[in-house]
Amino acid sequence: SGGSQNKAQPIRNLSAGEIKSAIAGKTFQYTRSDATGFVTYNSDGTFNYQDDTKGSGTGTWSASDGQFCEVFGAGAAQDCGEFKSTGDAFFAAKSRLVEMKV
């Protein structure tokens, strides 16, 4: 007895290729310390976002092994940090990403 849901997926860092395949062409709800909204990552290294308070904009992202960088909007500072999968969400630099299923 016991279901498979008891088997927690280990948190792990993803490779650059895994990061790209995990987010490119997909839309996520993001939560940051100072913002929430929706973001769509494009395979060309750009993204479009719709922030709940600041409105819409575009930015750029890049991935290396275990590392994710993104720039939210023109002139914004680049945020870099670990990219991790927790099974139901991704942690990408300063954002928590939950995929929106269409």
N, C-alpha and C. Protein backbone atom coordinates (compact mmCIF):
# COMPACT_ATOMS: atom_id res chain seq x y z
N SER A 1 0.85 -1.19 0.00
CA SER A 1 0.00 0.00 0.00
C SER A 1 0.88 1.24 0.00
N GLY A 2 0.24 2.40 0.17
CA GLY A 2 1.01 3.64 0.08
C GLY A 2 1.09 4.07 -1.36
N GLY A 3 0.92 5.35 -1.59
CA GLY A 3 0.88 5.84 -2.96
C GLY A 3 2.20 6.40 -3.41
N SER A 4 2.32 6.64 -4.70
CA SER A 4 3.57 7.17 -5.23
C SER A 4 3.75 8.64 -4.84
N GLN A 5 2.69 9.30 -4.37
CA GLN A 5 2.83 10.70 -4.03
C GLN A 5 3.69 10.91 -2.78
N ASN A 6 3.98 9.84 -2.05
CA ASN A 6 4.83 9.96 -0.88
C ASN A 6 6.30 10.11 -1.28
N LYS A 7 6.62 9.76 -2.52
CA LYS A 7 8.01 9.83 -2.95
C LYS A 7 8.32 11.25 -3.41
N ALA A 8 8.84 12.05 -2.52
CA ALA A 8 9.16 13.43 -2.88
C ALA A 8 10.30 13.43 -3.88
N GLN A 9 10.15 14.27 -4.90
CA GLN A 9 11.22 14.39 -5.87
C GLN A 9 12.35 15.20 -5.24
N PRO A 10 13.56 14.73 -5.33
CA PRO A 10 14.65 15.48 -4.70
C PRO A 10 14.86 16.82 -5.41
N ILE A 11 15.16 17.84 -4.63
CA ILE A 11 15.52 19.12 -5.23
C ILE A 11 16.88 18.95 -5.89
N ARG A 12 16.99 19.37 -7.13
CA ARG A 12 18.27 19.21 -7.79
C ARG A 12 18.50 20.35 -8.76
N ASN A 13 19.75 20.65 -9.00
CA ASN A 13 20.11 21.65 -9.98
C ASN A 13 20.04 21.03 -11.37
N LEU A 14 19.58 21.79 -12.33
CA LEU A 14 19.43 21.30 -13.69
C LEU A 14 20.59 21.77 -14.55
N SER A 15 20.87 21.00 -15.59
CA SER A 15 21.88 21.40 -16.56
C SER A 15 21.31 22.49 -17.46
N ALA A 16 22.18 23.14 -18.22
CA ALA A 16 21.73 24.21 -19.11
C ALA A 16 20.66 23.70 -20.08
N GLY A 17 20.89 22.50 -20.65
CA GLY A 17 19.92 21.95 -21.59
C GLY A 17 18.59 21.64 -20.92
N GLU A 18 18.65 21.13 -19.70
CA GLU A 18 17.42 20.83 -18.97
C GLU A 18 16.65 22.11 -18.63
N ILE A 19 17.38 23.15 -18.27
CA ILE A 19 16.72 24.43 -17.97
C ILE A 19 16.00 24.93 -19.21
N LYS A 20 16.70 24.90 -20.35
CA LYS A 20 16.08 25.39 -21.59
C LYS A 20 14.83 24.60 -21.94
N SER A 21 14.92 23.26 -21.85
CA SER A 21 13.75 22.47 -22.22
C SER A 21 12.64 22.61 -21.19
N ALA A 22 13.00 22.98 -19.95
CA ALA A 22 11.98 23.12 -18.90
C ALA A 22 11.16 24.39 -19.07
N ILE A 23 11.75 25.46 -19.62
CA ILE A 23 11.04 26.74 -19.63
C ILE A 23 10.76 27.31 -21.01
N ALA A 24 11.57 26.94 -22.02
CA ALA A 24 11.41 27.60 -23.32
C ALA A 24 10.04 27.29 -23.93
N GLY A 25 9.35 28.31 -24.36
CA GLY A 25 8.05 28.15 -24.98
C GLY A 25 6.92 27.95 -24.00
N LYS A 26 7.19 28.13 -22.70
CA LYS A 26 6.16 27.89 -21.70
C LYS A 26 5.88 29.15 -20.90
N THR A 27 4.70 29.18 -20.29
CA THR A 27 4.27 30.31 -19.47
C THR A 27 4.20 29.87 -18.02
N PHE A 28 4.70 30.72 -17.15
CA PHE A 28 4.74 30.44 -15.71
C PHE A 28 4.14 31.59 -14.92
N GLN A 29 3.57 31.25 -13.78
CA GLN A 29 3.26 32.26 -12.79
C GLN A 29 4.52 32.43 -11.95
N TYR A 30 4.98 33.67 -11.80
CA TYR A 30 6.19 33.88 -11.02
C TYR A 30 5.88 34.62 -9.72
N THR A 31 6.68 34.32 -8.72
CA THR A 31 6.62 35.02 -7.45
C THR A 31 8.03 35.45 -7.11
N ARG A 32 8.22 36.75 -6.95
CA ARG A 32 9.50 37.31 -6.54
C ARG A 32 9.30 38.07 -5.24
N SER A 33 10.38 38.46 -4.60
CA SER A 33 10.24 39.15 -3.32
C SER A 33 9.45 40.44 -3.49
N ASP A 34 9.53 41.06 -4.67
CA ASP A 34 8.89 42.35 -4.87
C ASP A 34 7.83 42.33 -5.97
N ALA A 35 7.48 41.17 -6.49
CA ALA A 35 6.59 41.16 -7.65
C ALA A 35 5.95 39.79 -7.85
N THR A 36 4.80 39.81 -8.51
CA THR A 36 4.14 38.58 -8.96
C THR A 36 3.56 38.85 -10.34
N GLY A 37 3.36 37.78 -11.11
CA GLY A 37 2.78 37.95 -12.43
C GLY A 37 2.98 36.70 -13.24
N PHE A 38 2.95 36.90 -14.56
CA PHE A 38 3.10 35.79 -15.49
C PHE A 38 4.24 36.10 -16.45
N VAL A 39 4.97 35.04 -16.81
CA VAL A 39 6.11 35.21 -17.71
C VAL A 39 6.11 34.08 -18.72
N THR A 40 6.38 34.42 -19.97
CA THR A 40 6.54 33.43 -21.03
C THR A 40 7.98 33.49 -21.52
N TYR A 41 8.71 32.39 -21.38
CA TYR A 41 10.10 32.33 -21.83
C TYR A 41 10.15 31.85 -23.27
N ASN A 42 10.84 32.60 -24.11
CA ASN A 42 10.98 32.24 -25.52
C ASN A 42 12.32 31.54 -25.73
N SER A 43 12.37 30.65 -26.73
CA SER A 43 13.58 29.86 -26.96
C SER A 43 14.75 30.70 -27.45
N ASP A 44 14.50 31.95 -27.86
CA ASP A 44 15.61 32.79 -28.35
C ASP A 44 16.29 33.57 -27.23
N GLY A 45 15.94 33.27 -25.97
CA GLY A 45 16.60 33.95 -24.86
C GLY A 45 15.91 35.23 -24.41
N THR A 46 14.72 35.47 -24.92
CA THR A 46 13.94 36.62 -24.45
C THR A 46 12.74 36.11 -23.68
N PHE A 47 12.09 36.99 -22.96
CA PHE A 47 10.83 36.63 -22.33
C PHE A 47 9.90 37.83 -22.30
N ASN A 48 8.62 37.54 -22.21
CA ASN A 48 7.59 38.55 -22.06
C ASN A 48 6.95 38.33 -20.71
N TYR A 49 6.68 39.41 -20.00
CA TYR A 49 6.04 39.24 -18.71
C TYR A 49 4.88 40.22 -18.55
N GLN A 50 3.98 39.83 -17.69
CA GLN A 50 2.84 40.67 -17.32
C GLN A 50 2.85 40.72 -15.80
N ASP A 51 3.34 41.84 -15.27
CA ASP A 51 3.45 41.95 -13.83
C ASP A 51 2.15 42.46 -13.23
N ASP A 52 1.77 41.90 -12.07
CA ASP A 52 0.50 42.26 -11.46
C ASP A 52 0.43 43.73 -11.08
N THR A 53 1.56 44.36 -10.81
CA THR A 53 1.53 45.78 -10.44
C THR A 53 2.22 46.67 -11.47
N LYS A 54 3.30 46.20 -12.08
CA LYS A 54 4.08 47.06 -12.98
C LYS A 54 3.63 47.00 -14.44
N GLY A 55 2.73 46.06 -14.75
CA GLY A 55 2.31 45.95 -16.15
C GLY A 55 3.22 45.05 -16.95
N SER A 56 3.15 45.17 -18.27
CA SER A 56 3.86 44.23 -19.13
C SER A 56 5.22 44.77 -19.55
N GLY A 57 6.06 43.84 -19.97
CA GLY A 57 7.39 44.21 -20.42
C GLY A 57 8.09 43.00 -20.99
N THR A 58 9.35 43.19 -21.37
CA THR A 58 10.15 42.10 -21.90
C THR A 58 11.48 42.07 -21.18
N GLY A 59 12.17 40.95 -21.30
CA GLY A 59 13.48 40.81 -20.69
C GLY A 59 14.25 39.72 -21.41
N THR A 60 15.40 39.40 -20.85
CA THR A 60 16.25 38.37 -21.44
C THR A 60 16.64 37.37 -20.36
N TRP A 61 16.92 36.14 -20.81
CA TRP A 61 17.34 35.09 -19.89
C TRP A 61 18.44 34.26 -20.53
N SER A 62 19.24 33.63 -19.68
CA SER A 62 20.27 32.71 -20.16
C SER A 62 20.48 31.63 -19.12
N ALA A 63 20.94 30.50 -19.58
CA ALA A 63 21.12 29.35 -18.70
C ALA A 63 22.50 28.75 -18.89
N SER A 64 23.12 28.40 -17.78
CA SER A 64 24.30 27.54 -17.80
C SER A 64 24.04 26.45 -16.78
N ASP A 65 24.94 25.52 -16.63
CA ASP A 65 24.65 24.37 -15.76
C ASP A 65 24.40 24.82 -14.32
N GLY A 66 23.19 24.57 -13.83
CA GLY A 66 22.83 24.90 -12.47
C GLY A 66 22.66 26.38 -12.20
N GLN A 67 22.79 27.21 -13.23
CA GLN A 67 22.79 28.66 -13.06
C GLN A 67 21.82 29.28 -14.06
N PHE A 68 21.08 30.26 -13.59
CA PHE A 68 20.09 30.94 -14.43
C PHE A 68 20.25 32.43 -14.23
N CYS A 69 20.23 33.18 -15.34
CA CYS A 69 20.30 34.63 -15.26
C CYS A 69 19.13 35.23 -16.02
N GLU A 70 18.58 36.30 -15.46
CA GLU A 70 17.52 36.99 -16.18
C GLU A 70 17.58 38.48 -15.88
N VAL A 71 17.13 39.24 -16.86
CA VAL A 71 17.04 40.70 -16.74
C VAL A 71 15.58 41.07 -16.96
N PHE A 72 14.93 41.55 -15.90
CA PHE A 72 13.52 41.91 -15.99
C PHE A 72 13.39 43.35 -16.46
N GLY A 73 13.25 43.55 -17.78
CA GLY A 73 13.02 44.88 -18.29
C GLY A 73 14.30 45.59 -18.68
N ALA A 74 14.16 46.58 -19.56
CA ALA A 74 15.32 47.32 -20.04
C ALA A 74 15.96 48.10 -18.89
N GLY A 75 17.27 48.03 -18.81
CA GLY A 75 17.99 48.77 -17.79
C GLY A 75 17.96 48.15 -16.41
N ALA A 76 17.31 47.01 -16.27
CA ALA A 76 17.26 46.36 -14.96
C ALA A 76 18.56 45.61 -14.71
N ALA A 77 18.87 45.39 -13.46
CA ALA A 77 20.06 44.63 -13.11
C ALA A 77 19.84 43.16 -13.47
N GLN A 78 20.93 42.49 -13.83
CA GLN A 78 20.84 41.06 -14.11
C GLN A 78 20.83 40.28 -12.81
N ASP A 79 19.84 39.42 -12.66
CA ASP A 79 19.75 38.53 -11.50
C ASP A 79 20.24 37.15 -11.91
N CYS A 80 21.21 36.63 -11.21
CA CYS A 80 21.69 35.28 -11.47
C CYS A 80 21.58 34.45 -10.21
N GLY A 81 21.30 33.19 -10.38
CA GLY A 81 21.22 32.31 -9.23
C GLY A 81 21.02 30.88 -9.68
N GLU A 82 20.83 30.03 -8.70
CA GLU A 82 20.63 28.62 -9.00
C GLU A 82 19.28 28.41 -9.67
N PHE A 83 19.22 27.39 -10.51
CA PHE A 83 17.95 26.95 -11.09
C PHE A 83 17.70 25.56 -10.57
N LYS A 84 16.60 25.41 -9.80
CA LYS A 84 16.30 24.12 -9.17
C LYS A 84 14.89 23.70 -9.51
N SER A 85 14.69 22.39 -9.56
CA SER A 85 13.35 21.83 -9.68
C SER A 85 12.97 21.21 -8.34
N THR A 86 11.75 21.52 -7.87
CA THR A 86 11.25 20.89 -6.65
C THR A 86 10.14 19.91 -6.98
N GLY A 87 9.92 19.63 -8.26
CA GLY A 87 8.86 18.72 -8.65
C GLY A 87 7.62 19.47 -9.09
N ASP A 88 7.12 20.40 -8.26
CA ASP A 88 5.92 21.14 -8.65
C ASP A 88 6.25 22.59 -9.00
N ALA A 89 7.48 23.01 -8.80
CA ALA A 89 7.85 24.39 -9.11
C ALA A 89 9.34 24.42 -9.46
N PHE A 90 9.73 25.52 -10.09
CA PHE A 90 11.14 25.78 -10.34
C PHE A 90 11.56 27.00 -9.54
N PHE A 91 12.78 27.01 -9.08
CA PHE A 91 13.36 28.20 -8.50
C PHE A 91 14.44 28.67 -9.45
N ALA A 92 14.25 29.87 -10.01
CA ALA A 92 15.14 30.40 -11.03
C ALA A 92 15.66 31.74 -10.54
N ALA A 93 16.92 31.77 -10.10
CA ALA A 93 17.51 33.00 -9.56
C ALA A 93 16.61 33.52 -8.45
N LYS A 94 15.91 34.65 -8.68
CA LYS A 94 15.09 35.23 -7.62
C LYS A 94 13.61 34.97 -7.81
N SER A 95 13.26 34.10 -8.74
CA SER A 95 11.85 33.84 -9.03
C SER A 95 11.47 32.41 -8.67
N ARG A 96 10.26 32.24 -8.19
CA ARG A 96 9.65 30.90 -8.06
C ARG A 96 8.66 30.78 -9.22
N LEU A 97 8.81 29.73 -10.02
CA LEU A 97 8.02 29.56 -11.24
C LEU A 97 7.11 28.35 -11.11
N VAL A 98 5.84 28.57 -11.39
CA VAL A 98 4.87 27.47 -11.44
C VAL A 98 4.28 27.47 -12.84
N GLU A 99 4.44 26.35 -13.54
CA GLU A 99 3.99 26.30 -14.93
C GLU A 99 2.48 26.39 -15.03
N MET A 100 2.00 27.19 -15.96
CA MET A 100 0.58 27.31 -16.23
C MET A 100 0.22 26.26 -17.28
N LYS A 101 -0.63 25.32 -16.92
CA LYS A 101 -1.06 24.29 -17.86
C LYS A 101 -2.19 24.85 -18.71
N VAL A 102 -2.03 24.77 -20.02
CA VAL A 102 -3.07 25.31 -20.90
C VAL A 102 -4.00 24.19 -21.39
